Amino acid sequence: MPSWQRQGKLWSSLKEVCDLLRIPVSARVNADEYQFQHMQFKTGQRIHTIGQPFDMLYIVYSGFLKSVMIDETGSEQVLGFPMKGDMFGIDGIHSRQYSTETVALSNCEVILVPFKVFSSLGRSHSEMEAAIYGVMSRELVREQAMVGTLGSLSAEARVARFLVFLSERFSEMGYSGKQFNLRMTRQEIGNYLGLTLETVSRTFSAFNAIGLISVDQRAVVLHDVQALRTLRRLPPSQSRTKQKAAAAASRQLTAA
């Protein structure tokens, strides 16, 4: 058995789950009374599938995943990239079956929250119910914000905002927001952003050339997060050459 499986955590208390979701646990709840099971998944494994009966909410304890919809032709649409502290599976509440599927992009560990346990908590502790619904709302607002962003921005700006989004998420998790590895492929990024693989790759190369980022396969360093946050379009090629020279000079001065 792989070492990552042997080292996994088996259970989390309600307090640990609430801390992970960044919500308060009610003082009236006996947090030790509730224990939630962990499950481990290898890269490529599905946590739940489309059409599977709904009975569980999921919280990412570690690792990276993608949530997708699949149409009648078998084409995949990436909806999001759940990571530590994110809840997923809420799409199953309405119809009592999942309308999406979630796939591990890395070896990951997921906390299982039976919906009947959540419902029982909500009946006896309304403040807990409100807090968990707040988490669900947070996930939906995040998705809507990204969808709203995509419709109004250029291809370059979409990629830039995505990198800023990842930067902010890594910072929230206590990791570096300026240097990280992409767990998703360029194809998956493009699918999520409504762009082709070629456009994503070309934009990464352009950002690298003008010094906004350094990229080596999946390893990315963000040199100017604010510029990425406000970028609308790439400058003309002549201006890009000047920016590249200026960025190189700046890095040389910093190194010195």
Protein backbone atom coordinates (compact mmCIF):
# COMPACT_ATOMS: atom_id res chain seq x y z
CA MET A 1 0.00 0.00 0.00
CA PRO A 2 1.39 3.48 -0.89
CA SER A 3 2.78 5.50 2.03
CA TRP A 4 0.36 8.36 1.42
CA GLN A 5 -2.53 5.97 2.20
CA ARG A 6 -0.92 4.64 5.38
CA GLN A 7 -0.41 8.14 6.73
CA GLY A 8 -3.98 9.31 6.14
CA LYS A 9 -6.25 10.52 8.91
CA LEU A 10 -9.23 8.27 9.67
CA TRP A 11 -11.73 10.60 11.34
CA SER A 12 -12.37 14.30 12.06
CA SER A 13 -14.47 15.79 14.85
CA LEU A 14 -17.17 18.36 14.16
CA LYS A 15 -14.84 21.08 15.47
CA GLU A 16 -12.11 20.05 13.04
CA VAL A 17 -14.60 20.11 10.16
CA CYS A 18 -15.86 23.56 11.18
CA ASP A 19 -12.29 24.87 11.44
CA LEU A 20 -11.58 23.53 7.95
CA LEU A 21 -14.70 25.25 6.58
CA ARG A 22 -13.81 28.44 8.48
CA ILE A 23 -17.11 28.57 10.41
CA PRO A 24 -17.72 28.69 14.18
CA VAL A 25 -18.92 25.59 15.99
CA SER A 26 -21.89 26.21 18.28
CA ALA A 27 -21.09 26.12 21.99
CA ARG A 28 -24.31 24.15 22.47
CA VAL A 29 -23.11 21.30 20.28
CA ASN A 30 -21.13 18.43 21.73
CA ALA A 31 -18.50 18.49 19.00
CA ASP A 32 -16.95 15.19 20.12
CA GLU A 33 -20.28 13.44 19.56
CA TYR A 34 -19.88 13.79 15.81
CA GLN A 35 -17.07 12.05 13.96
CA PHE A 36 -16.70 12.20 10.19
CA GLN A 37 -14.88 9.59 8.14
CA HIS A 38 -11.98 10.31 5.81
CA MET A 39 -11.50 8.60 2.46
CA GLN A 40 -8.40 8.66 0.31
CA PHE A 41 -8.36 8.74 -3.46
CA LYS A 42 -5.57 8.32 -5.97
CA THR A 43 -5.03 10.65 -8.91
CA GLY A 44 -7.71 10.00 -11.52
CA GLN A 45 -10.22 8.35 -9.18
CA ARG A 46 -13.80 9.60 -9.08
CA ILE A 47 -15.24 10.64 -5.72
CA HIS A 48 -18.81 10.56 -7.03
CA THR A 49 -20.32 10.20 -10.49
CA ILE A 50 -23.19 11.76 -12.42
CA GLY A 51 -26.49 10.07 -11.62
CA GLN A 52 -25.20 8.48 -8.43
CA PRO A 53 -27.79 8.68 -5.61
CA PHE A 54 -27.09 11.63 -3.32
CA ASP A 55 -26.41 10.90 0.33
CA MET A 56 -23.15 12.67 1.09
CA LEU A 57 -21.50 16.07 1.15
CA TYR A 58 -17.73 16.15 0.75
CA ILE A 59 -15.04 18.41 2.19
CA VAL A 60 -11.50 18.49 0.82
CA TYR A 61 -9.00 17.76 3.59
CA SER A 62 -5.96 17.65 1.31
CA GLY A 63 -5.17 17.46 -2.39
CA PHE A 64 -6.73 18.89 -5.52
CA LEU A 65 -9.76 17.85 -7.56
CA LYS A 66 -11.90 18.94 -10.49
CA SER A 67 -15.69 19.01 -10.75
CA VAL A 68 -17.12 18.41 -14.21
CA MET A 69 -20.34 18.03 -16.15
CA ILE A 70 -20.53 15.62 -19.08
CA ASP A 71 -23.02 16.19 -21.89
CA GLU A 72 -24.85 13.60 -23.98
CA THR A 73 -21.95 13.45 -26.46
CA GLY A 74 -19.47 12.67 -23.69
CA SER A 75 -17.83 16.09 -23.78
CA GLU A 76 -16.51 17.32 -20.45
CA GLN A 77 -17.03 20.80 -19.03
CA VAL A 78 -14.84 21.70 -16.05
CA LEU A 79 -16.86 23.59 -13.43
CA GLY A 80 -14.26 24.12 -10.74
CA PHE A 81 -11.18 22.90 -8.91
CA PRO A 82 -12.03 22.03 -5.29
CA MET A 83 -9.11 22.24 -2.89
CA LYS A 84 -8.51 22.22 0.85
CA GLY A 85 -11.48 23.57 2.83
CA ASP A 86 -13.92 23.42 -0.10
CA MET A 87 -17.23 21.59 0.08
CA PHE A 88 -18.62 19.80 -2.95
CA GLY A 89 -21.51 17.51 -3.78
CA ILE A 90 -24.15 20.15 -3.06
CA ASP A 91 -25.51 19.77 -6.60
CA GLY A 92 -27.13 16.52 -5.46
CA ILE A 93 -29.38 18.07 -2.82
CA HIS A 94 -32.18 19.17 -5.15
CA SER A 95 -32.73 16.05 -7.26
CA ARG A 96 -31.26 13.55 -4.79
CA GLN A 97 -28.65 12.51 -7.32
CA TYR A 98 -25.40 14.14 -8.37
CA SER A 99 -25.54 16.12 -11.61
CA THR A 100 -21.75 16.44 -11.73
CA GLU A 101 -18.78 14.24 -11.00
CA THR A 102 -15.64 15.05 -9.09
CA VAL A 103 -12.25 13.59 -9.98
CA ALA A 104 -8.97 13.63 -8.05
CA LEU A 105 -6.21 15.63 -9.76
CA SER A 106 -3.73 14.46 -7.14
CA ASN A 107 -3.70 11.93 -4.33
CA CYS A 108 -6.22 13.47 -1.99
CA GLU A 109 -8.13 13.00 1.23
CA VAL A 110 -11.81 13.86 1.53
CA ILE A 111 -14.09 14.09 4.57
CA LEU A 112 -17.51 12.48 4.18
CA VAL A 113 -20.47 14.34 5.74
CA PRO A 114 -23.67 12.26 5.53
CA PHE A 115 -26.50 14.61 4.57
CA LYS A 116 -28.79 13.01 7.15
CA VAL A 117 -26.28 13.97 9.87
CA PHE A 118 -26.22 17.55 8.57
CA SER A 119 -30.02 17.62 8.55
CA SER A 120 -30.15 16.31 12.11
CA LEU A 121 -27.65 18.95 13.23
CA GLY A 122 -29.73 21.63 11.54
CA ARG A 123 -32.94 20.55 13.26
CA SER A 124 -31.38 20.75 16.72
CA HIS A 125 -28.93 23.64 16.18
CA SER A 126 -30.22 26.27 13.78
CA GLU A 127 -27.03 28.32 13.98
CA MET A 128 -25.02 25.34 12.67
CA GLU A 129 -27.47 24.87 9.84
CA ALA A 130 -27.15 28.55 8.90
CA ALA A 131 -23.34 28.35 9.00
CA ILE A 132 -23.17 25.30 6.73
CA TYR A 133 -25.67 26.79 4.30
CA GLY A 134 -23.41 29.82 4.33
CA VAL A 135 -20.54 27.59 3.18
CA MET A 136 -22.70 26.26 0.35
CA SER A 137 -23.59 29.81 -0.65
CA ARG A 138 -19.89 30.75 -0.60
CA GLU A 139 -19.14 27.98 -3.10
CA LEU A 140 -21.97 29.08 -5.40
CA VAL A 141 -20.96 32.75 -5.22
CA ARG A 142 -17.39 31.81 -6.12
CA GLU A 143 -18.59 29.86 -9.16
CA GLN A 144 -20.93 32.66 -10.25
CA ALA A 145 -18.19 35.25 -9.89
CA MET A 146 -15.92 33.24 -12.17
CA VAL A 147 -18.69 32.70 -14.74
CA GLY A 148 -19.47 36.43 -14.70
CA THR A 149 -15.81 37.22 -15.16
CA LEU A 150 -15.36 34.93 -18.14
CA GLY A 151 -18.05 36.56 -20.23
CA SER A 152 -16.55 40.04 -20.13
CA LEU A 153 -12.79 39.50 -20.35
CA SER A 154 -10.26 38.81 -23.07
CA ALA A 155 -8.50 35.45 -23.21
CA GLU A 156 -5.36 36.92 -21.61
CA ALA A 157 -7.36 38.49 -18.79
CA ARG A 158 -9.14 35.19 -18.10
CA VAL A 159 -5.84 33.38 -17.67
CA ALA A 160 -4.50 36.23 -15.53
CA ARG A 161 -7.54 36.18 -13.22
CA PHE A 162 -7.27 32.43 -12.92
CA LEU A 163 -3.68 32.72 -11.75
CA VAL A 164 -4.72 35.39 -9.24
CA PHE A 165 -7.54 33.12 -8.04
CA LEU A 166 -5.05 30.30 -7.45
CA SER A 167 -2.68 32.69 -5.72
CA GLU A 168 -5.42 33.76 -3.30
CA ARG A 169 -6.53 30.19 -2.63
CA PHE A 170 -2.98 28.99 -1.91
CA SER A 171 -2.49 31.94 0.45
CA GLU A 172 -5.74 31.06 2.26
CA MET A 173 -4.40 27.53 2.77
CA GLY A 174 -1.19 28.86 4.30
CA TYR A 175 1.00 28.18 1.27
CA SER A 176 2.92 30.56 -0.95
CA GLY A 177 0.62 32.64 -3.11
CA LYS A 178 3.44 33.51 -5.51
CA GLN A 179 5.09 30.16 -6.17
CA PHE A 180 3.10 26.97 -6.69
CA ASN A 181 2.57 23.96 -8.94
CA LEU A 182 -0.46 23.71 -11.18
CA ARG A 183 -2.31 20.47 -10.49
CA MET A 184 -4.46 20.84 -13.58
CA THR A 185 -3.34 20.57 -17.20
CA ARG A 186 -3.40 23.43 -19.69
CA GLN A 187 -6.27 21.58 -21.38
CA GLU A 188 -8.29 21.58 -18.14
CA ILE A 189 -7.54 25.26 -17.53
CA GLY A 190 -8.71 26.06 -21.04
CA ASN A 191 -11.86 23.99 -20.62
CA TYR A 192 -12.66 25.84 -17.39
CA LEU A 193 -11.96 29.27 -18.89
CA GLY A 194 -13.66 28.63 -22.22
CA LEU A 195 -10.37 28.75 -24.13
CA THR A 196 -8.41 26.37 -26.32
CA LEU A 197 -5.32 24.56 -25.10
CA GLU A 198 -3.26 26.55 -27.63
CA THR A 199 -4.57 29.89 -26.33
CA VAL A 200 -3.75 29.00 -22.71
CA SER A 201 -0.25 27.80 -23.64
CA ARG A 202 0.39 30.90 -25.78
CA THR A 203 -0.80 33.20 -22.99
CA PHE A 204 1.42 31.51 -20.41
CA SER A 205 4.36 31.96 -22.77
CA ALA A 206 3.50 35.63 -23.32
CA PHE A 207 3.21 36.28 -19.57
CA ASN A 208 6.55 34.56 -19.10
CA ALA A 209 8.14 36.63 -21.88
CA ILE A 210 7.13 40.00 -20.40
CA GLY A 211 8.10 39.03 -16.86
CA LEU A 212 4.68 38.74 -15.25
CA ILE A 213 5.36 35.12 -14.39
CA SER A 214 8.03 32.47 -14.69
CA VAL A 215 6.74 29.11 -15.82
CA ASP A 216 8.44 25.74 -16.15
CA GLN A 217 5.91 23.09 -17.15
CA ARG A 218 3.54 23.08 -14.12
CA ALA A 219 5.74 25.16 -11.80
CA VAL A 220 4.67 28.81 -11.75
CA VAL A 221 6.11 31.90 -10.06
CA LEU A 222 4.02 35.08 -10.07
CA HIS A 223 6.22 38.17 -10.24
CA ASP A 224 3.47 40.81 -10.33
CA VAL A 225 0.13 39.70 -8.88
CA GLN A 226 -1.35 43.21 -9.05
CA ALA A 227 -0.56 43.52 -12.75
CA LEU A 228 -2.24 40.15 -13.36
CA ARG A 229 -5.25 41.29 -11.34
CA THR A 230 -5.76 44.42 -13.44
CA LEU A 231 -4.62 43.14 -16.84
CA ARG A 232 -7.17 43.62 -19.61
CA ARG A 233 -5.19 42.69 -22.71
CA LEU A 234 -1.60 41.97 -23.60
CA PRO A 235 0.30 45.01 -24.90
CA PRO A 236 1.34 45.12 -28.59
CA SER A 237 4.38 43.03 -29.45
CA GLN A 238 6.72 46.05 -29.57
CA SER A 239 5.69 47.12 -26.09
CA ARG A 240 6.05 43.55 -24.91
CA THR A 241 9.69 43.52 -26.01
CA LYS A 242 10.36 46.63 -23.90
CA GLN A 243 8.50 45.13 -20.92
CA LYS A 244 10.53 41.94 -21.23
CA ALA A 245 13.78 43.90 -21.15
CA ALA A 246 12.61 45.98 -18.18
CA ALA A 247 11.51 42.87 -16.28
CA ALA A 248 14.84 41.16 -16.91
CA ALA A 249 16.74 44.21 -15.70
CA SER A 250 14.57 44.38 -12.59
CA ARG A 251 15.23 40.73 -11.75
CA GLN A 252 18.99 41.26 -12.23
CA LEU A 253 18.94 44.20 -9.79
CA THR A 254 16.97 42.17 -7.28
CA ALA A 255 19.40 39.26 -7.54
CA ALA A 256 22.32 41.62 -7.06
